[in-house]
Amino acid sequence: MKFLQHMRSKSRLKNGNEAHVYEDNLPLSRSPKNRTGRDLISTLPLKLLTNVLSHICPHALDDNYSSLEESMRDGGCMLCDMRDLAQCALVSRRFLIATQTILYHNVRMDPVHYCEREIDLAVKRKRKSFFERNGEPVDAPKQRVEQFSRTVRDNQSLAIQVEFLKMPYMTRETCIADLARTVSVLPNLKYVDLPEGIYSDDRSCLTLKQELEVRCADLRKMRYLHGAERSFALLSQLRPWQNLEILELTRLEIEPTTLVSVMASFPALHELKLEDSPLIDDSIFYQKFSTSSFPPITTFVLQNTPRLTAGGFEAYLSRPETREALTHLTILDTGVLPSEVYRILAAAPYLRSLRINQSVQRALIPSAIPPLRSRSLEILRFEIESTSTSPHDLQPPSESYYQYLSSAILVGNMPSLTSLYALSTSLPSLLLPPPAAPFANSKGPSSGLQQPLMLYTKSIPEHDWYLTVISPPTSTNRRGSATATRPISFYNGSTQLGPQWGDKARDSVIVGNGFGGFLAVPSEDGPRPSSSGGHKHKHSWSKSSRGWMG
């Protein structure tokens, strides 16, 4: 009977309206083959073919040492790109080799599709039964970890191609055992998203950490949190990762000699972050107090280290190898005062970016200290704020520091500066050169700016950055006249103030919030509510105000 019903359903399809649908779904092998000419793709070199296929899945070639959440790309779905690239492997054997090289270089296990496809897949992932219609959804990232672990354990040629492994936070926190089995067969792994327990020597992550130290000798980034002081001190003896490039230390209670000896055991280390380290002082920069010297660092980040001062940095930068290596420096709430920044700039001639964040109580006297001077500095984040503002003061103490900074820029002490971040809304006006006389013989107002300056300002740290482009002054050929380029603002009311302002800025109402910004007040479509001048307008007023109040 079932065979007859199957034959009857086929005849119904061919005789009914669904016959065309059935014919279109025939296998592709029945379609006539139409091959003309020579296959030019087969003649391409494998390296060129890999480069062409990499544009299908651009995130697969991302070589940064950041987590899955920090390395997200806007304007695309990573899972859909990986699916399209995997389908290219079915074309030929050469496509298979090129596709596997891209897919297994940087493995990402995103939790969801960032497109409309996720709506349909979320329904299909639910485990439904006859008794339970609303089943629990399947943990897709966990299944991807299990499938990937089985694949690399069965195929060693694919395992040696994996260099980056990134997964969501909840997945790496719950799949510790699967992650340990996976990294045990990845000898060329450079970066992997790890659970937080491995950084503080948690017992649940002990097996995973041992696998990393034994199997993954090419690891490039590692962190150590409070509780991992013992394992950090053993690094100078075990030396598990000789190619380590980035090291982050947070709330570690270690001695300065321990820090220097461990850092000297990593010859490829070029980025260091010290956060909440109250025991670290200037003795790490002096070679006579320790058995090893502090190695040259390219990127140095210091946060909440009050015992590190500008004198220690001068001693560290007195060595030629360290002075030439340091290019990026961040000092947040340290012993380096804002009035001592000129000492660091003078000792670091190759410094390209500097960030300082400090709270001050007293105003600065610019005439008492030398001016800021750096020919290599390109990015400066000068975030100085006042701890308390007295109502009797004409200006907060932090404004004196911005006047000190603006004077150094205007005289040309920072010719390479292209980006400047400051917590001051008055800095754009301070960077404008004084206007020239109407019929003066000079060519124009003097200014130290030699290229456009991207100035980002805001009044308080909670606000968004306000961009102002300040161009160098230009002069005309006419005698007795000079023009200077005013700052150009890129503030857009329709995009910065929210969607409730509409597409037209002239229909908006801007109200100040008291901190240098604006409050978003939506404009009404109809007339504004009028005052109640009598009982005859009471009904009309309530009708219009109902729409205005939403």
Protein backbone atom coordinates (compact mmCIF):
# COMPACT_ATOMS: atom_id res chain seq x y z
CA MET A 1 0.00 0.00 0.00
CA LYS A 2 2.82 2.45 0.77
CA PHE A 3 4.38 1.76 -2.63
CA LEU A 4 1.11 2.57 -4.38
CA GLN A 5 0.69 5.75 -2.34
CA HIS A 6 4.21 6.81 -3.35
CA MET A 7 3.45 6.25 -7.03
CA ARG A 8 0.17 8.13 -6.68
CA SER A 9 1.90 11.11 -5.06
CA LYS A 10 4.36 11.24 -7.97
CA SER A 11 1.59 11.25 -10.55
CA ARG A 12 -0.23 13.97 -8.65
CA LEU A 13 2.85 16.12 -8.74
CA LYS A 14 3.31 15.72 -12.48
CA ASN A 15 -0.32 16.36 -13.31
CA GLY A 16 -0.94 19.17 -10.85
CA ASN A 17 0.43 22.64 -10.33
CA GLU A 18 3.46 21.35 -8.44
CA ALA A 19 4.93 19.53 -11.45
CA HIS A 20 7.24 22.42 -12.27
CA VAL A 21 8.55 22.51 -8.73
CA TYR A 22 9.33 18.80 -8.84
CA GLU A 23 11.19 19.10 -12.13
CA ASP A 24 13.27 22.01 -10.84
CA ASN A 25 14.44 20.00 -7.83
CA LEU A 26 15.97 17.23 -9.95
CA PRO A 27 19.60 16.36 -9.13
CA LEU A 28 22.22 18.38 -10.90
CA SER A 29 23.73 15.25 -12.46
CA ARG A 30 20.76 14.91 -14.80
CA SER A 31 21.29 18.38 -16.24
CA PRO A 32 23.30 18.47 -19.49
CA LYS A 33 26.97 19.30 -19.01
CA ASN A 34 28.13 22.42 -20.80
CA ARG A 35 31.89 22.75 -20.63
CA THR A 36 33.58 25.02 -23.12
CA GLY A 37 37.13 26.28 -23.14
CA ARG A 38 39.99 25.73 -20.73
CA ASP A 39 39.73 25.87 -16.93
CA LEU A 40 41.97 28.87 -16.20
CA ILE A 41 41.43 28.64 -12.44
CA SER A 42 43.36 25.37 -12.31
CA THR A 43 46.44 27.18 -13.63
CA LEU A 44 46.54 29.72 -10.78
CA PRO A 45 49.29 29.29 -8.17
CA LEU A 46 48.11 27.89 -4.86
CA LYS A 47 49.20 31.01 -2.96
CA LEU A 48 47.23 33.26 -5.31
CA LEU A 49 44.18 31.02 -5.11
CA THR A 50 44.34 31.11 -1.30
CA ASN A 51 44.51 34.90 -1.39
CA VAL A 52 41.43 35.08 -3.62
CA LEU A 53 39.40 32.71 -1.44
CA SER A 54 40.39 34.59 1.72
CA HIS A 55 38.17 37.51 0.66
CA ILE A 56 35.13 35.27 1.17
CA CYS A 57 35.94 34.89 4.87
CA PRO A 58 38.10 37.91 5.84
CA HIS A 59 38.04 37.27 9.60
CA ALA A 60 39.91 33.98 9.10
CA LEU A 61 43.13 35.91 8.43
CA ASP A 62 42.81 38.04 11.58
CA ASP A 63 46.06 37.61 13.51
CA ASN A 64 45.38 39.79 16.56
CA TYR A 65 45.68 38.41 20.09
CA SER A 66 42.25 39.53 21.27
CA SER A 67 39.24 37.56 22.44
CA LEU A 68 36.21 36.64 20.37
CA GLU A 69 34.17 39.51 21.78
CA GLU A 70 36.89 42.08 21.13
CA SER A 71 37.65 40.96 17.57
CA MET A 72 34.12 41.14 16.20
CA ARG A 73 33.69 42.71 12.76
CA ASP A 74 30.82 44.98 11.85
CA GLY A 75 28.70 44.54 8.77
CA GLY A 76 28.93 40.79 8.25
CA CYS A 77 28.06 37.33 9.54
CA MET A 78 31.16 35.30 10.38
CA LEU A 79 29.35 31.96 10.41
CA CYS A 80 27.82 32.56 6.99
CA ASP A 81 31.24 33.50 5.61
CA MET A 82 32.72 30.29 6.96
CA ARG A 83 29.86 28.26 5.44
CA ASP A 84 30.39 29.88 2.02
CA LEU A 85 34.12 29.22 2.21
CA ALA A 86 33.53 25.58 3.21
CA GLN A 87 31.30 25.10 0.16
CA CYS A 88 34.17 26.25 -2.06
CA ALA A 89 36.10 23.18 -0.93
CA LEU A 90 33.72 20.99 -2.95
CA VAL A 91 34.89 22.44 -6.27
CA SER A 92 38.17 20.57 -6.71
CA ARG A 93 41.12 19.17 -4.83
CA ARG A 94 43.12 22.39 -5.22
CA PHE A 95 40.20 24.36 -3.80
CA LEU A 96 40.09 21.94 -0.88
CA ILE A 97 43.74 22.53 0.00
CA ALA A 98 43.42 26.33 -0.24
CA THR A 99 40.15 26.36 1.72
CA GLN A 100 41.48 24.24 4.58
CA THR A 101 44.47 26.55 4.94
CA ILE A 102 42.14 29.50 5.52
CA LEU A 103 39.48 27.77 7.62
CA TYR A 104 41.88 26.20 10.13
CA HIS A 105 44.20 29.18 10.53
CA ASN A 106 41.85 31.22 12.75
CA VAL A 107 38.98 29.13 14.12
CA ARG A 108 36.04 31.15 15.48
CA MET A 109 33.03 29.58 17.20
CA ASP A 110 30.53 32.40 17.24
CA PRO A 111 27.42 31.71 19.31
CA VAL A 112 24.84 32.91 16.75
CA HIS A 113 24.43 34.02 13.16
CA TYR A 114 24.48 37.80 12.83
CA CYS A 115 21.89 37.75 10.06
CA GLU A 116 18.28 36.71 9.40
CA ARG A 117 19.28 33.06 9.23
CA GLU A 118 19.51 32.89 13.01
CA ILE A 119 15.71 33.23 13.33
CA ASP A 120 15.10 29.96 11.47
CA LEU A 121 18.02 28.14 13.05
CA ALA A 122 16.94 29.07 16.57
CA VAL A 123 13.63 27.29 15.99
CA LYS A 124 15.30 24.19 14.54
CA ARG A 125 17.76 23.91 17.45
CA LYS A 126 15.00 23.36 20.02
CA ARG A 127 14.59 19.79 21.21
CA LYS A 128 10.91 19.08 20.81
CA SER A 129 8.97 15.94 21.61
CA PHE A 130 5.35 14.82 21.66
CA PHE A 131 4.98 15.61 25.37
CA GLU A 132 7.10 18.79 25.38
CA ARG A 133 6.35 21.16 22.57
CA ASN A 134 8.56 23.99 23.91
CA GLY A 135 11.90 22.23 24.17
CA GLU A 136 15.19 23.62 25.38
CA PRO A 137 17.46 25.04 22.68
CA VAL A 138 20.61 23.17 21.76
CA ASP A 139 23.92 24.74 22.84
CA ALA A 140 25.37 25.29 19.36
CA PRO A 141 28.83 26.61 20.44
CA LYS A 142 29.32 23.60 22.70
CA GLN A 143 28.51 21.23 19.86
CA ARG A 144 30.97 23.09 17.61
CA VAL A 145 33.73 22.66 20.22
CA GLU A 146 33.05 18.92 20.45
CA GLN A 147 33.01 18.49 16.67
CA PHE A 148 36.16 20.56 16.23
CA SER A 149 37.94 18.59 18.96
CA ARG A 150 37.04 15.31 17.27
CA THR A 151 38.20 16.62 13.88
CA VAL A 152 41.65 17.81 14.94
CA ARG A 153 42.27 14.70 17.04
CA ASP A 154 41.50 12.45 14.10
CA ASN A 155 43.36 14.51 11.48
CA GLN A 156 46.82 15.68 12.48
CA SER A 157 47.37 17.54 9.20
CA LEU A 158 44.53 19.88 10.11
CA ALA A 159 45.64 20.23 13.73
CA ILE A 160 49.05 21.63 12.81
CA GLN A 161 47.39 24.42 10.79
CA VAL A 162 45.44 25.88 13.75
CA GLU A 163 47.09 29.01 15.17
CA PHE A 164 44.14 30.92 16.68
CA LEU A 165 41.18 29.44 18.56
CA LYS A 166 38.42 31.79 19.75
CA MET A 167 35.12 30.96 21.43
CA PRO A 168 32.43 32.74 23.50
CA TYR A 169 32.84 33.43 27.19
CA MET A 170 30.24 30.93 28.43
CA THR A 171 31.57 28.19 26.15
CA ARG A 172 35.16 28.44 27.39
CA GLU A 173 33.94 28.54 30.99
CA THR A 174 31.80 25.38 30.70
CA CYS A 175 33.81 23.29 28.20
CA ILE A 176 37.11 23.17 30.09
CA ALA A 177 37.61 19.41 29.58
CA ASP A 178 36.89 19.59 25.84
CA LEU A 179 39.20 22.57 25.53
CA ALA A 180 42.02 20.68 27.28
CA ARG A 181 41.62 17.73 24.90
CA THR A 182 41.63 20.10 21.94
CA VAL A 183 44.76 22.12 22.77
CA SER A 184 46.68 18.89 23.49
CA VAL A 185 46.86 18.23 19.71
CA LEU A 186 47.52 21.83 18.56
CA PRO A 187 51.32 22.28 18.63
CA ASN A 188 51.36 25.54 16.62
CA LEU A 189 48.70 27.34 18.65
CA LYS A 190 49.53 31.03 19.22
CA TYR A 191 46.37 32.30 20.92
CA VAL A 192 43.35 30.68 22.53
CA ASP A 193 40.45 32.08 24.56
CA LEU A 194 40.87 30.62 28.04
CA PRO A 195 38.58 30.55 31.11
CA GLU A 196 39.25 33.02 33.89
CA GLY A 197 40.20 30.28 36.34
CA ILE A 198 43.38 29.42 34.47
CA TYR A 199 44.81 32.90 35.14
CA SER A 200 44.38 32.57 38.92
CA ASP A 201 45.50 28.88 39.25
CA ASP A 202 42.03 27.52 39.85
CA ARG A 203 41.99 23.77 40.51
CA SER A 204 39.35 23.13 37.85
CA CYS A 205 41.74 24.45 35.18
CA LEU A 206 44.89 22.67 36.36
CA THR A 207 44.80 20.05 33.57
CA LEU A 208 44.20 22.69 30.92
CA LYS A 209 47.15 24.76 32.11
CA GLN A 210 49.46 21.75 32.12
CA GLU A 211 48.46 20.93 28.55
CA LEU A 212 49.25 24.50 27.49
CA GLU A 213 52.67 24.44 29.14
CA VAL A 214 53.63 21.07 27.63
CA ARG A 215 51.90 20.98 24.24
CA CYS A 216 51.56 24.63 23.18
CA ALA A 217 55.09 25.96 23.25
CA ASP A 218 54.36 28.67 20.66
CA LEU A 219 51.82 30.57 22.77
CA ARG A 220 52.12 34.35 22.37
CA LYS A 221 49.86 35.88 25.07
CA MET A 222 49.28 35.04 28.74
CA ARG A 223 47.70 36.68 31.80
CA TYR A 224 48.24 36.22 35.52
CA LEU A 225 45.76 37.35 38.17
CA HIS A 226 45.74 37.41 41.96
CA GLY A 227 46.32 33.87 43.27
CA ALA A 228 48.82 32.82 40.59
CA GLU A 229 51.93 34.22 42.30
CA ARG A 230 53.50 30.78 42.75
CA SER A 231 53.11 29.67 39.13
CA PHE A 232 54.35 33.06 37.93
CA ALA A 233 57.52 32.78 39.99
CA LEU A 234 58.23 29.33 38.46
CA LEU A 235 58.25 30.74 34.92
CA SER A 236 61.90 31.74 35.20
CA GLN A 237 62.82 28.08 35.87
CA LEU A 238 60.37 26.19 33.63
CA ARG A 239 60.45 28.60 30.63
CA PRO A 240 57.38 27.08 28.91
CA TRP A 241 56.74 29.74 26.25
CA GLN A 242 59.91 31.19 24.75
CA ASN A 243 57.99 33.03 22.02
CA LEU A 244 55.67 34.87 24.42
CA GLU A 245 55.02 38.42 23.20
CA ILE A 246 52.28 39.85 25.46
CA LEU A 247 52.15 39.53 29.25
CA GLU A 248 49.43 40.99 31.49
CA LEU A 249 49.76 41.06 35.29
CA THR A 250 46.81 42.13 37.44
CA ARG A 251 46.73 42.35 41.26
CA LEU A 252 49.83 40.19 41.68
CA GLU A 253 51.61 40.49 45.02
CA ILE A 254 55.16 39.84 43.85
CA GLU A 255 58.53 41.36 44.61
CA PRO A 256 60.34 43.53 42.04
CA THR A 257 63.19 41.01 41.77
CA THR A 258 60.72 38.23 40.87
CA LEU A 259 59.18 40.37 38.14
CA VAL A 260 62.52 41.21 36.55
CA SER A 261 63.79 37.62 36.62
CA VAL A 262 60.62 36.28 35.01
CA MET A 263 60.56 38.95 32.30
CA ALA A 264 64.21 38.29 31.48
CA SER A 265 63.29 34.66 30.69
CA PHE A 266 61.08 35.74 27.74
CA PRO A 267 63.37 36.91 24.92
CA ALA A 268 60.51 37.80 22.53
CA LEU A 269 58.42 39.81 25.02
CA HIS A 270 57.52 43.27 23.69
CA GLU A 271 54.26 44.22 25.44
CA LEU A 272 53.70 44.40 29.21
CA LYS A 273 50.72 45.47 31.27
CA LEU A 274 50.98 46.06 35.03
CA GLU A 275 47.69 46.72 36.84
CA ASP A 276 47.07 47.12 40.58
CA SER A 277 50.62 46.25 41.61
CA PRO A 278 51.35 48.11 44.88
CA LEU A 279 54.70 46.34 45.53
CA ILE A 280 56.31 47.27 42.21
CA ASP A 281 58.54 50.33 42.50
CA ASP A 282 61.38 52.04 40.63
CA SER A 283 63.86 49.35 41.65
CA ILE A 284 62.82 47.21 38.65
CA PHE A 285 64.51 49.77 36.38
CA TYR A 286 67.84 49.73 38.21
CA GLN A 287 70.15 46.89 37.27
CA LYS A 288 72.17 47.06 40.47
CA PHE A 289 69.22 45.98 42.60
CA SER A 290 68.51 42.74 40.71
CA THR A 291 70.36 39.89 39.06
CA SER A 292 68.80 40.62 35.65
CA SER A 293 67.96 43.84 33.86
CA PHE A 294 64.51 44.93 32.80
CA PRO A 295 64.13 43.93 29.12
CA PRO A 296 63.29 46.40 26.33
CA ILE A 297 59.52 46.85 25.93
CA THR A 298 57.69 48.25 22.90
CA THR A 299 54.26 48.74 24.52
CA PHE A 300 54.18 49.54 28.24
CA VAL A 301 50.85 49.89 30.10
CA LEU A 302 50.83 50.93 33.77
CA GLN A 303 47.64 51.30 35.78
CA ASN A 304 47.34 51.97 39.50
CA THR A 305 51.05 51.61 40.25
CA PRO A 306 51.72 54.54 42.60
CA ARG A 307 55.35 53.63 43.35
CA LEU A 308 56.56 54.01 39.76
CA THR A 309 57.77 57.58 39.17
CA ALA A 310 59.27 59.64 36.38
CA GLY A 311 62.75 59.18 37.84
CA GLY A 312 62.51 55.44 37.36
CA PHE A 313 61.48 55.88 33.74
CA GLU A 314 64.46 58.14 33.12
CA ALA A 315 66.75 55.47 34.52
CA TYR A 316 65.09 52.80 32.37
CA LEU A 317 65.29 54.91 29.21
CA SER A 318 68.92 55.79 29.79
CA ARG A 319 69.92 52.49 28.14
CA PRO A 320 70.10 52.70 24.32
CA GLU A 321 68.25 49.41 23.67
CA THR A 322 65.28 50.38 25.86
CA ARG A 323 65.17 53.96 24.58
CA GLU A 324 64.93 52.81 20.97
CA ALA A 325 62.34 50.09 21.68
CA LEU A 326 59.66 52.04 23.60
CA THR A 327 57.01 53.40 21.20
CA HIS A 328 53.71 53.17 23.13
CA LEU A 329 53.32 54.19 26.77
CA THR A 330 50.21 54.34 28.96
CA ILE A 331 50.34 55.66 32.53
CA LEU A 332 47.05 55.67 34.45
CA ASP A 333 47.02 56.70 38.12
CA THR A 334 50.73 56.18 38.69
CA GLY A 335 53.44 58.09 40.49
CA VAL A 336 54.23 60.04 37.31
CA LEU A 337 52.74 63.51 37.76
CA PRO A 338 51.32 65.43 34.78
CA SER A 339 53.87 68.15 35.45
CA GLU A 340 56.66 65.58 34.88
CA VAL A 341 55.57 64.36 31.46
CA TYR A 342 58.24 66.52 29.82
CA ARG A 343 60.90 64.31 31.46
CA ILE A 344 59.50 61.17 29.82
CA LEU A 345 59.18 62.85 26.42
CA ALA A 346 62.77 64.04 26.61
CA ALA A 347 64.03 60.55 27.53
CA ALA A 348 61.97 58.67 24.89
CA PRO A 349 62.88 60.07 21.44
CA TYR A 350 61.05 57.26 19.55
CA LEU A 351 57.77 57.43 21.46
CA ARG A 352 54.77 57.45 19.07
CA SER A 353 51.77 57.35 21.42
CA LEU A 354 51.35 58.46 25.01
CA ARG A 355 48.35 58.28 27.31
CA ILE A 356 48.22 59.83 30.76
CA ASN A 357 45.19 59.93 33.03
CA GLN A 358 45.51 61.72 36.33
CA SER A 359 43.42 63.75 38.78
CA VAL A 360 44.88 67.02 40.03
CA GLN A 361 44.02 69.33 42.90
CA ARG A 362 46.19 72.35 42.20
CA ALA A 363 46.76 74.44 39.13
CA LEU A 364 49.98 74.24 37.18
CA ILE A 365 52.42 77.12 36.79
CA PRO A 366 53.76 76.73 33.22
CA SER A 367 56.68 79.06 33.74
CA ALA A 368 58.10 76.85 36.49
CA ILE A 369 58.72 73.77 34.29
CA PRO A 370 60.15 73.23 30.78
CA PRO A 371 57.66 72.94 27.92
CA LEU A 372 56.57 69.66 26.36
CA ARG A 373 58.71 68.66 23.41
CA SER A 374 58.63 65.56 21.17
CA ARG A 375 59.32 65.21 17.46
CA SER A 376 58.10 61.59 17.22
CA LEU A 377 54.81 61.71 19.17
CA GLU A 378 51.79 61.10 16.92
CA ILE A 379 48.94 60.24 19.34
CA LEU A 380 48.52 61.95 22.72
CA ARG A 381 45.74 61.17 25.23
CA PHE A 382 46.09 63.96 27.79
CA GLU A 383 43.18 63.20 30.14
CA ILE A 384 43.60 65.45 33.16
CA GLU A 385 40.61 66.14 35.39
CA SER A 386 40.11 68.06 38.61
CA THR A 387 39.28 66.19 41.79
CA SER A 388 37.15 69.05 43.14
CA THR A 389 36.04 72.35 41.72
CA SER A 390 35.45 75.29 44.04
CA PRO A 391 32.64 77.67 43.10
CA HIS A 392 34.95 80.59 43.90
CA ASP A 393 37.54 79.58 41.27
CA LEU A 394 37.32 81.13 37.83
CA GLN A 395 38.40 77.87 36.18
CA PRO A 396 39.18 74.34 37.40
CA PRO A 397 42.83 73.43 38.08
CA SER A 398 42.92 71.07 35.09
CA GLU A 399 42.53 73.95 32.63
CA SER A 400 46.03 75.18 33.47
CA TYR A 401 47.44 71.87 32.22
CA TYR A 402 45.60 72.23 28.91
CA GLN A 403 46.94 75.76 28.53
CA TYR A 404 50.42 74.34 29.12
CA LEU A 405 49.77 71.72 26.44
CA SER A 406 48.34 74.17 23.89
CA SER A 407 51.32 76.48 24.24
CA ALA A 408 53.68 73.60 23.38
CA ILE A 409 51.65 72.72 20.28
CA LEU A 410 51.38 76.29 19.02
CA VAL A 411 55.13 76.91 19.16
CA GLY A 412 55.81 73.76 17.12
CA ASN A 413 57.22 71.45 19.80
CA MET A 414 55.10 68.51 18.51
CA PRO A 415 55.32 68.58 14.71
CA SER A 416 54.25 64.92 14.22
CA LEU A 417 51.11 65.10 16.38
CA THR A 418 48.00 63.97 14.45
CA SER A 419 45.49 62.91 17.17
CA LEU A 420 44.84 64.52 20.54
CA TYR A 421 42.38 63.42 23.25
CA ALA A 422 41.56 65.76 26.12
CA LEU A 423 38.94 66.20 28.85
CA SER A 424 38.45 69.87 28.09
CA THR A 425 35.90 71.62 25.90
CA SER A 426 37.97 74.84 25.81
CA LEU A 427 41.02 73.26 24.15
CA PRO A 428 39.83 73.89 20.54
CA SER A 429 39.75 77.63 21.19
CA LEU A 430 43.17 77.50 22.86
CA LEU A 431 44.74 75.91 19.78
CA LEU A 432 43.59 78.71 17.46
CA PRO A 433 46.37 81.14 16.57
CA PRO A 434 45.76 84.83 17.32
CA PRO A 435 44.20 86.75 14.42
CA ALA A 436 46.49 88.92 12.35
CA ALA A 437 46.04 92.63 11.75
CA PRO A 438 43.80 93.47 8.77
CA PHE A 439 46.55 95.21 6.74
CA ALA A 440 49.69 93.75 8.28
CA ASN A 441 52.71 92.87 6.18
CA SER A 442 53.05 89.40 7.75
CA LYS A 443 52.04 86.36 5.73
CA GLY A 444 49.66 85.06 8.32
CA PRO A 445 49.23 84.07 11.94
CA SER A 446 52.00 81.91 13.32
CA SER A 447 51.13 78.37 14.39
CA GLY A 448 53.10 75.22 15.16
CA LEU A 449 50.65 72.99 13.31
CA GLN A 450 52.16 71.50 10.18
CA GLN A 451 49.33 69.07 9.41
CA PRO A 452 45.65 68.68 10.33
CA LEU A 453 45.08 67.79 13.97
CA MET A 454 42.24 65.44 14.97
CA LEU A 455 41.11 66.84 18.31
CA TYR A 456 38.77 64.70 20.46
CA THR A 457 37.31 66.48 23.48
CA LYS A 458 34.62 65.95 26.10
CA SER A 459 33.76 67.47 29.43
CA ILE A 460 33.44 64.32 31.58
CA PRO A 461 34.65 60.73 30.98
CA GLU A 462 31.09 59.41 30.66
CA HIS A 463 30.37 61.40 27.51
CA ASP A 464 31.26 60.53 23.91
CA TRP A 465 34.21 62.09 22.15
CA TYR A 466 33.53 65.28 20.21
CA LEU A 467 35.68 65.50 17.06
CA THR A 468 37.14 68.78 15.85
CA VAL A 469 39.64 68.99 12.98
CA ILE A 470 42.08 71.88 13.27
CA SER A 471 44.02 72.62 10.10
CA PRO A 472 47.23 74.65 9.89
CA PRO A 473 46.78 78.31 8.92
CA THR A 474 46.87 79.24 5.23
CA SER A 475 47.76 82.60 3.72
CA THR A 476 46.61 84.23 0.51
CA ASN A 477 48.64 86.06 -2.12
CA ARG A 478 46.82 89.30 -1.55
CA ARG A 479 48.85 91.87 0.34
CA GLY A 480 47.55 92.96 3.70
CA SER A 481 45.16 90.05 4.26
CA ALA A 482 45.56 86.70 5.89
CA THR A 483 43.17 83.87 6.58
CA ALA A 484 43.46 81.12 9.13
CA THR A 485 41.52 77.89 8.95
CA ARG A 486 38.94 77.68 11.68
CA PRO A 487 38.25 74.32 13.38
CA ILE A 488 35.84 72.13 11.42
CA SER A 489 33.26 70.28 13.50
CA PHE A 490 31.89 66.91 12.40
CA TYR A 491 29.04 66.92 14.90
CA ASN A 492 25.82 65.67 13.23
CA GLY A 493 22.56 66.23 15.03
CA SER A 494 20.70 63.47 13.25
CA THR A 495 23.29 60.80 14.13
CA GLN A 496 24.83 61.90 17.42
CA LEU A 497 21.67 62.90 19.26
CA GLY A 498 19.75 59.71 18.52
CA PRO A 499 17.06 58.63 16.06
CA GLN A 500 14.32 60.59 17.82
CA TRP A 501 15.72 63.80 16.34
CA GLY A 502 14.74 62.77 12.81
CA ASP A 503 16.56 63.34 9.55
CA LYS A 504 16.38 67.15 9.56
CA ALA A 505 18.42 69.05 12.10
CA ARG A 506 16.30 72.19 11.72
CA ASP A 507 13.30 70.36 13.20
CA SER A 508 15.25 69.58 16.37
CA VAL A 509 15.36 71.34 19.70
CA ILE A 510 18.75 71.39 21.47
CA VAL A 511 18.78 71.82 25.25
CA GLY A 512 22.00 71.91 27.27
CA ASN A 513 22.49 69.38 30.07
CA GLY A 514 24.89 71.48 32.15
CA PHE A 515 28.00 69.38 31.38
CA GLY A 516 28.85 70.65 27.93
CA GLY A 517 26.53 68.25 26.08
CA PHE A 518 22.91 68.31 24.98
CA LEU A 519 19.69 66.61 25.98
CA ALA A 520 17.70 64.77 23.33
CA VAL A 521 14.20 66.31 23.35
CA PRO A 522 11.94 64.78 20.68
CA SER A 523 10.03 67.27 18.57
CA GLU A 524 6.30 66.89 18.16
CA ASP A 525 4.55 66.43 14.84
CA GLY A 526 1.72 68.80 15.58
CA PRO A 527 1.57 72.19 17.31
CA ARG A 528 3.13 72.55 20.73
CA PRO A 529 0.75 72.38 23.72
CA SER A 530 -0.54 75.81 24.62
CA SER A 531 -1.35 77.14 28.07
CA SER A 532 -4.85 76.70 29.40
CA GLY A 533 -6.36 80.10 28.72
CA GLY A 534 -9.97 78.91 29.15
CA HIS A 535 -12.18 75.86 29.23
CA LYS A 536 -12.88 75.95 25.51
CA HIS A 537 -9.29 74.78 24.65
CA LYS A 538 -9.10 72.06 27.26
CA HIS A 539 -10.09 69.17 25.00
CA SER A 540 -7.86 70.18 22.09
CA TRP A 541 -4.88 70.68 24.37
CA SER A 542 -5.17 67.22 25.91
CA LYS A 543 -5.49 65.62 22.47
CA SER A 544 -2.31 67.21 21.13
CA SER A 545 -0.31 66.67 24.33
CA ARG A 546 -1.21 62.99 24.36
CA GLY A 547 0.78 62.47 21.16
CA TRP A 548 3.63 64.63 22.42
CA MET A 549 3.97 62.67 25.64
CA GLY A 550 4.00 59.36 23.72
